[in-house]
N, C-alpha and C. Protein backbone atom coordinates (compact mmCIF):
# COMPACT_ATOMS: atom_id res chain seq x y z
N UNK A 1 84.84 -18.99 7.46
CA UNK A 1 84.71 -18.81 8.91
C UNK A 1 83.21 -17.84 8.95
N UNK A 2 82.21 -17.57 9.50
CA UNK A 2 81.36 -16.48 9.53
C UNK A 2 81.74 -16.32 10.99
N UNK A 3 81.11 -14.73 11.42
CA UNK A 3 81.75 -13.91 12.37
C UNK A 3 80.39 -12.97 12.51
N UNK A 4 79.56 -13.23 13.74
CA UNK A 4 78.61 -12.08 13.75
C UNK A 4 79.18 -11.55 15.23
N UNK A 5 78.79 -10.31 15.60
CA UNK A 5 78.93 -9.53 16.59
C UNK A 5 78.03 -8.66 16.81
N UNK A 6 77.43 -9.20 17.73
CA UNK A 6 76.24 -8.07 18.25
C UNK A 6 76.92 -6.81 19.54
N UNK A 7 76.32 -6.12 19.05
CA UNK A 7 76.40 -4.97 20.25
C UNK A 7 75.00 -4.23 20.37
N UNK A 8 75.54 -3.27 21.37
CA UNK A 8 74.02 -2.34 21.39
C UNK A 8 73.53 -2.47 22.79
N UNK A 9 73.95 -3.84 23.49
CA UNK A 9 72.54 -3.73 24.70
C UNK A 9 73.16 -3.34 25.77
N UNK A 10 72.37 -3.16 27.07
CA UNK A 10 72.46 -2.52 28.24
C UNK A 10 71.01 -2.41 28.85
N UNK A 11 71.24 -1.28 29.80
CA UNK A 11 70.12 -1.02 30.69
C UNK A 11 69.23 0.29 30.32
N UNK A 12 68.40 -0.32 30.81
CA UNK A 12 67.07 0.77 30.79
C UNK A 12 65.86 0.17 31.33
N UNK A 13 65.51 1.44 31.38
CA UNK A 13 64.47 1.76 32.20
C UNK A 13 63.18 1.14 31.44
N UNK A 14 62.45 0.24 32.03
CA UNK A 14 60.88 0.34 31.32
C UNK A 14 60.18 1.04 30.93
N UNK A 15 59.78 0.47 29.27
CA UNK A 15 59.31 2.18 28.42
C UNK A 15 60.38 2.53 27.59
N UNK A 16 61.62 2.36 27.68
CA UNK A 16 62.31 2.86 26.91
C UNK A 16 62.84 1.92 26.00
N UNK A 17 64.26 2.77 25.31
CA UNK A 17 64.21 2.19 23.90
C UNK A 17 66.09 1.41 23.61
N UNK A 18 66.17 0.52 22.88
CA UNK A 18 67.67 0.11 23.15
C UNK A 18 67.50 -0.24 21.24
N UNK A 19 69.08 -0.27 20.73
CA UNK A 19 68.99 -0.43 19.41
C UNK A 19 70.17 -1.59 19.10
N UNK A 20 69.86 -2.87 19.14
CA UNK A 20 71.18 -3.69 19.07
C UNK A 20 71.36 -3.87 17.45
N UNK A 21 72.91 -4.49 17.04
CA UNK A 21 73.21 -4.31 15.90
C UNK A 21 74.75 -5.43 16.04
N UNK A 22 74.16 -6.12 14.68
CA UNK A 22 74.77 -7.19 13.64
C UNK A 22 76.06 -7.24 13.28
N UNK A 23 76.73 -7.03 13.08
CA UNK A 23 78.12 -7.38 12.42
C UNK A 23 78.21 -8.22 11.58
N UNK A 24 78.26 -8.68 10.57
CA UNK A 24 78.64 -10.40 10.07
C UNK A 24 80.09 -9.86 8.86
N UNK A 25 80.92 -10.78 9.00
CA UNK A 25 82.43 -10.91 8.57
C UNK A 25 81.85 -11.66 6.63
N UNK A 26 82.62 -11.10 6.29
CA UNK A 26 83.17 -11.56 5.02
C UNK A 26 81.78 -11.97 4.15
N UNK A 27 81.44 -12.60 3.04
CA UNK A 27 80.96 -12.76 2.30
C UNK A 27 79.35 -13.36 2.40
N UNK A 28 79.42 -12.91 3.73
CA UNK A 28 78.99 -13.91 4.71
C UNK A 28 76.75 -13.16 4.67
N UNK A 29 76.39 -12.96 4.51
CA UNK A 29 75.14 -11.93 4.93
C UNK A 29 74.41 -12.31 3.31
N UNK A 30 75.18 -11.91 2.43
CA UNK A 30 73.68 -11.55 1.54
C UNK A 30 73.19 -13.33 0.84
N UNK A 31 72.00 -12.86 0.78
CA UNK A 31 71.02 -13.97 0.90
C UNK A 31 71.04 -14.53 1.43
N UNK A 32 70.83 -14.54 2.45
CA UNK A 32 70.73 -14.94 4.06
C UNK A 32 69.99 -14.43 4.50
N UNK A 33 68.61 -15.08 5.11
CA UNK A 33 68.16 -15.18 6.67
C UNK A 33 68.55 -14.44 8.04
N UNK A 34 68.37 -13.06 8.50
CA UNK A 34 68.89 -12.93 9.46
C UNK A 34 68.16 -12.97 10.96
N UNK A 35 68.42 -13.63 11.41
CA UNK A 35 67.23 -13.65 12.81
C UNK A 35 67.78 -12.68 13.98
N UNK A 36 66.88 -12.86 15.13
CA UNK A 36 66.97 -12.21 16.77
C UNK A 36 66.68 -13.17 17.59
N UNK A 37 67.51 -13.99 18.40
CA UNK A 37 67.03 -15.04 19.22
C UNK A 37 67.08 -14.22 20.77
N UNK A 38 66.49 -14.80 22.28
CA UNK A 38 66.96 -14.42 23.16
C UNK A 38 66.66 -15.16 23.83
N UNK A 39 68.00 -15.22 25.22
CA UNK A 39 68.01 -16.17 26.18
C UNK A 39 67.91 -15.24 27.25
N UNK A 40 66.52 -15.63 28.09
CA UNK A 40 66.55 -14.96 29.77
C UNK A 40 66.92 -16.22 30.26
N UNK A 41 67.75 -15.78 31.78
CA UNK A 41 67.94 -17.19 32.66
C UNK A 41 66.79 -17.97 33.25
N UNK A 42 67.32 -19.20 33.28
CA UNK A 42 67.21 -20.30 33.33
C UNK A 42 65.50 -20.67 32.18
N UNK A 43 65.60 -19.76 30.89
CA UNK A 43 64.42 -20.25 30.55
C UNK A 43 65.32 -20.87 29.09
N UNK A 44 64.99 -21.33 27.88
CA UNK A 44 65.52 -21.98 26.39
C UNK A 44 65.20 -20.25 26.15
N UNK A 45 65.71 -20.79 24.95
CA UNK A 45 66.57 -19.91 23.94
C UNK A 45 65.40 -19.96 23.18
N UNK A 46 64.79 -18.70 22.35
CA UNK A 46 63.71 -18.49 21.74
C UNK A 46 63.83 -16.90 20.67
N UNK A 47 62.89 -17.12 19.71
CA UNK A 47 62.52 -16.46 18.87
C UNK A 47 62.14 -15.01 18.71
N UNK A 48 62.77 -14.05 18.34
CA UNK A 48 62.56 -13.00 18.67
C UNK A 48 62.02 -12.27 17.08
N UNK A 49 62.62 -12.34 16.07
CA UNK A 49 62.56 -11.47 14.88
C UNK A 49 63.47 -11.99 13.71
N UNK A 50 62.92 -12.45 12.23
CA UNK A 50 63.54 -12.56 11.47
C UNK A 50 63.24 -11.70 9.93
N UNK A 51 64.76 -11.18 9.42
CA UNK A 51 64.45 -10.48 8.41
C UNK A 51 64.70 -11.48 6.99
N UNK A 52 63.85 -11.22 5.96
CA UNK A 52 64.60 -12.12 4.87
C UNK A 52 65.13 -11.69 4.22
N UNK A 53 66.19 -12.50 3.62
CA UNK A 53 67.57 -12.30 2.60
C UNK A 53 67.25 -10.67 1.72
N UNK A 54 66.07 -10.92 1.27
CA UNK A 54 65.96 -9.41 0.29
C UNK A 54 65.74 -8.37 1.08
N UNK A 55 65.28 -8.55 2.36
CA UNK A 55 64.68 -7.27 3.53
C UNK A 55 63.54 -6.93 2.72
N UNK A 56 62.77 -7.84 2.32
CA UNK A 56 61.08 -7.35 1.88
C UNK A 56 60.46 -8.51 2.94
N UNK A 57 60.53 -9.05 4.07
CA UNK A 57 59.95 -9.61 4.71
C UNK A 57 60.53 -10.12 6.08
N UNK A 58 59.61 -9.34 6.73
CA UNK A 58 59.99 -9.59 8.28
C UNK A 58 58.78 -10.18 8.78
N UNK A 59 58.86 -11.29 9.99
CA UNK A 59 58.43 -12.20 11.21
C UNK A 59 58.71 -11.94 12.18
N UNK A 60 58.13 -11.89 13.22
CA UNK A 60 58.03 -11.39 14.43
C UNK A 60 57.25 -12.05 15.24
N UNK A 61 57.50 -12.97 16.86
CA UNK A 61 57.02 -13.47 17.66
C UNK A 61 56.23 -12.30 18.35
N UNK A 62 54.78 -13.35 18.43
CA UNK A 62 53.67 -12.99 19.69
C UNK A 62 54.36 -11.78 20.48
N UNK A 63 55.23 -11.94 21.66
CA UNK A 63 55.54 -10.84 22.38
C UNK A 63 56.29 -9.46 21.84
N UNK A 64 56.76 -9.68 20.91
CA UNK A 64 57.52 -8.30 20.65
C UNK A 64 56.93 -8.25 19.64
N UNK A 65 56.00 -7.57 18.83
CA UNK A 65 54.73 -8.08 17.56
C UNK A 65 54.87 -6.63 18.31
N UNK A 66 54.85 -5.08 17.13
CA UNK A 66 54.46 -4.19 17.49
C UNK A 66 55.52 -2.92 18.31
N UNK A 67 56.31 -3.82 19.11
CA UNK A 67 57.36 -3.01 19.52
C UNK A 67 58.87 -2.85 19.10
N UNK A 68 59.09 -4.14 18.87
CA UNK A 68 60.34 -4.16 17.92
C UNK A 68 60.40 -4.22 16.70
N UNK A 69 61.16 -3.66 15.75
CA UNK A 69 61.70 -3.41 14.41
C UNK A 69 62.91 -4.24 13.89
N UNK A 70 63.02 -5.31 12.92
CA UNK A 70 64.10 -5.82 12.53
C UNK A 70 64.17 -5.37 10.81
N UNK A 71 65.58 -4.75 11.15
CA UNK A 71 65.66 -4.09 9.20
C UNK A 71 67.49 -4.49 9.62
N UNK A 72 67.83 -4.37 7.92
CA UNK A 72 69.16 -4.72 7.36
C UNK A 72 69.83 -4.05 6.45
N UNK A 73 70.99 -3.79 6.73
CA UNK A 73 71.44 -3.27 5.33
C UNK A 73 72.73 -4.42 4.89
N UNK A 74 72.21 -4.33 3.39
CA UNK A 74 73.00 -5.30 2.92
C UNK A 74 74.65 -4.58 3.21
N UNK A 75 74.64 -3.85 2.25
CA UNK A 75 75.98 -2.98 1.91
C UNK A 75 76.95 -2.96 2.89
N UNK A 76 76.67 -2.93 4.25
CA UNK A 76 77.42 -3.06 5.33
C UNK A 76 77.40 -4.33 6.45
N UNK A 77 76.43 -5.58 5.68
CA UNK A 77 76.28 -6.38 5.98
C UNK A 77 76.16 -6.19 8.31
N UNK A 78 74.83 -5.32 7.90
CA UNK A 78 74.48 -5.44 9.39
C UNK A 78 73.17 -5.33 9.52
N UNK A 79 72.52 -5.99 10.65
CA UNK A 79 71.25 -6.26 10.83
C UNK A 79 70.54 -5.93 12.06
N UNK A 80 69.74 -5.38 12.25
CA UNK A 80 69.44 -4.25 13.28
C UNK A 80 67.87 -4.42 14.46
N UNK A 81 68.29 -4.65 15.22
CA UNK A 81 66.82 -4.86 15.87
C UNK A 81 66.70 -3.45 16.97
N UNK A 82 65.22 -2.82 16.31
CA UNK A 82 65.41 -1.49 17.32
C UNK A 82 64.19 -2.06 18.02
N UNK A 83 64.37 -1.85 19.35
CA UNK A 83 63.65 -2.38 20.89
C UNK A 83 62.77 -0.63 21.37
N UNK A 84 61.95 -0.41 21.43
CA UNK A 84 60.99 0.25 21.97
C UNK A 84 60.05 -0.09 22.74
N UNK A 85 59.50 0.58 24.19
CA UNK A 85 58.39 -0.15 24.74
C UNK A 85 58.77 -1.58 25.71
N UNK A 86 60.46 -0.67 25.91
CA UNK A 86 60.76 -2.43 26.46
C UNK A 86 60.18 -2.55 28.00
N UNK A 87 59.89 -3.96 28.46
CA UNK A 87 59.17 -4.56 29.35
C UNK A 87 60.45 -5.23 30.39
N UNK A 88 60.13 -5.35 31.67
CA UNK A 88 60.66 -6.12 32.32
C UNK A 88 61.31 -7.39 32.05
N UNK A 89 60.55 -8.32 31.12
CA UNK A 89 60.31 -9.47 30.76
C UNK A 89 60.98 -9.49 29.47
N UNK A 90 61.97 -8.77 29.17
CA UNK A 90 62.65 -8.49 27.74
C UNK A 90 64.23 -8.49 27.94
N UNK A 91 64.20 -8.86 29.54
CA UNK A 91 65.52 -8.87 29.82
C UNK A 91 66.18 -9.94 29.59
N UNK A 92 67.09 -10.25 28.80
CA UNK A 92 67.75 -11.40 28.24
C UNK A 92 69.33 -11.04 27.47
N UNK A 93 69.88 -12.13 27.22
CA UNK A 93 70.65 -12.11 26.27
C UNK A 93 70.43 -12.05 24.90
N UNK A 94 70.66 -11.40 24.38
CA UNK A 94 70.08 -11.11 22.71
C UNK A 94 70.86 -11.68 22.12
N UNK A 95 70.61 -12.59 20.64
CA UNK A 95 71.29 -13.07 20.43
C UNK A 95 71.46 -13.06 18.52
N UNK A 96 71.73 -12.75 17.88
CA UNK A 96 71.68 -12.58 16.27
C UNK A 96 72.55 -13.89 15.37
N UNK A 97 71.30 -14.26 14.53
CA UNK A 97 71.95 -15.59 13.73
C UNK A 97 71.69 -15.56 12.68
N UNK A 98 72.47 -16.36 11.09
CA UNK A 98 72.23 -16.66 10.51
C UNK A 98 71.90 -17.64 9.63
N UNK A 99 71.00 -17.66 9.10
CA UNK A 99 69.94 -18.95 8.28
C UNK A 99 70.94 -19.94 7.99
N UNK A 100 70.40 -20.94 7.97
CA UNK A 100 71.34 -22.13 7.19
C UNK A 100 71.43 -22.43 5.72
N UNK A 101 69.86 -21.72 5.08
CA UNK A 101 69.69 -22.34 3.96
C UNK A 101 69.86 -20.46 3.06
N UNK A 102 70.26 -20.94 1.76
CA UNK A 102 70.62 -19.64 0.77
C UNK A 102 69.41 -19.25 0.43
N UNK A 103 68.84 -17.68 0.26
CA UNK A 103 67.48 -17.96 -0.79
C UNK A 103 65.83 -18.33 -0.16
N UNK A 104 66.10 -19.09 1.26
CA UNK A 104 64.93 -19.17 1.78
C UNK A 104 64.02 -18.21 2.35
N UNK A 105 62.31 -18.54 2.35
CA UNK A 105 62.03 -17.78 3.07
C UNK A 105 62.17 -17.80 4.48
N UNK A 106 60.97 -16.82 5.30
CA UNK A 106 61.36 -16.46 6.62
C UNK A 106 61.64 -18.26 7.47
N UNK A 107 62.12 -18.39 8.42
CA UNK A 107 61.99 -19.09 9.59
C UNK A 107 62.36 -18.84 10.80
N UNK A 108 61.81 -19.50 11.57
CA UNK A 108 61.21 -19.01 13.08
C UNK A 108 61.85 -19.99 14.26
N UNK A 109 62.62 -21.21 13.60
CA UNK A 109 62.90 -22.23 14.45
C UNK A 109 64.34 -22.42 14.46
N UNK A 110 65.09 -22.35 15.74
CA UNK A 110 66.43 -22.09 15.89
C UNK A 110 67.07 -23.51 14.82
N UNK A 111 66.89 -24.50 14.92
CA UNK A 111 67.32 -25.30 14.32
C UNK A 111 68.04 -24.61 12.65
N UNK A 112 67.17 -23.68 12.46
CA UNK A 112 67.19 -23.59 10.92
C UNK A 112 68.09 -22.41 11.08
N UNK A 113 69.00 -22.17 12.03
CA UNK A 113 70.05 -21.34 11.89
C UNK A 113 71.54 -22.07 12.52
N UNK A 114 72.61 -21.92 12.06
CA UNK A 114 73.92 -22.60 12.50
C UNK A 114 74.53 -21.70 12.38
N UNK A 115 74.61 -19.95 12.32
CA UNK A 115 76.03 -19.62 13.27
C UNK A 115 75.08 -18.62 13.77
N UNK A 116 75.99 -18.13 15.14
CA UNK A 116 75.07 -17.09 16.24
C UNK A 116 76.43 -16.52 16.54
N UNK A 117 75.92 -15.08 16.73
CA UNK A 117 76.69 -14.23 17.68
C UNK A 117 77.13 -14.61 18.88
N UNK A 118 77.86 -14.06 19.74
CA UNK A 118 78.55 -13.69 21.74
C UNK A 118 77.25 -13.76 22.08
N UNK A 119 76.47 -12.65 21.94
CA UNK A 119 75.16 -11.91 22.42
C UNK A 119 75.31 -10.91 23.24
N UNK A 120 74.51 -10.71 23.32
CA UNK A 120 74.47 -9.25 23.96
C UNK A 120 73.28 -9.29 24.87
N UNK A 121 74.03 -8.48 26.43
CA UNK A 121 73.28 -8.51 27.72
C UNK A 121 72.06 -7.21 27.45
N UNK A 122 70.69 -7.55 27.66
CA UNK A 122 69.34 -6.50 27.89
C UNK A 122 68.73 -6.56 29.19
N UNK A 123 68.87 -5.62 29.43
CA UNK A 123 68.31 -5.15 31.18
C UNK A 123 67.00 -4.50 31.01
N UNK A 124 65.57 -4.76 31.53
CA UNK A 124 65.17 -3.97 31.57
C UNK A 124 64.55 -3.67 33.15
N UNK A 125 65.12 -2.22 33.73
CA UNK A 125 64.51 -2.70 35.27
C UNK A 125 62.86 -2.03 35.24
N UNK A 126 62.35 -2.48 36.06
CA UNK A 126 61.14 -1.99 36.64
C UNK A 126 61.12 -0.65 37.27
């Protein structure tokens, strides 16, 4: 069973920073792309960022490009999301997810992920 546990969310003022972490259990990390998604109240879950299983390729949504950075530590089975210059519209529950496929290229569709964490709340005040 794959378990993903997010942490690092909280309340921050606009312009501030947060770093989210997602720890994966067992031999469930190596070879899989890891993504971050978010869901604001009343809205659908949306893609934020993804990092390739090898760590050498990343992809971001236009809304966070240049402000957020995704990274991973394969030795620690952990993926991170560094969020800078936060805006009120970044307020959402943030989820990490593991891709379905092994050793694939990066994907941004929710349908390409089959394991999800429980989410961590990020609130940005204006």
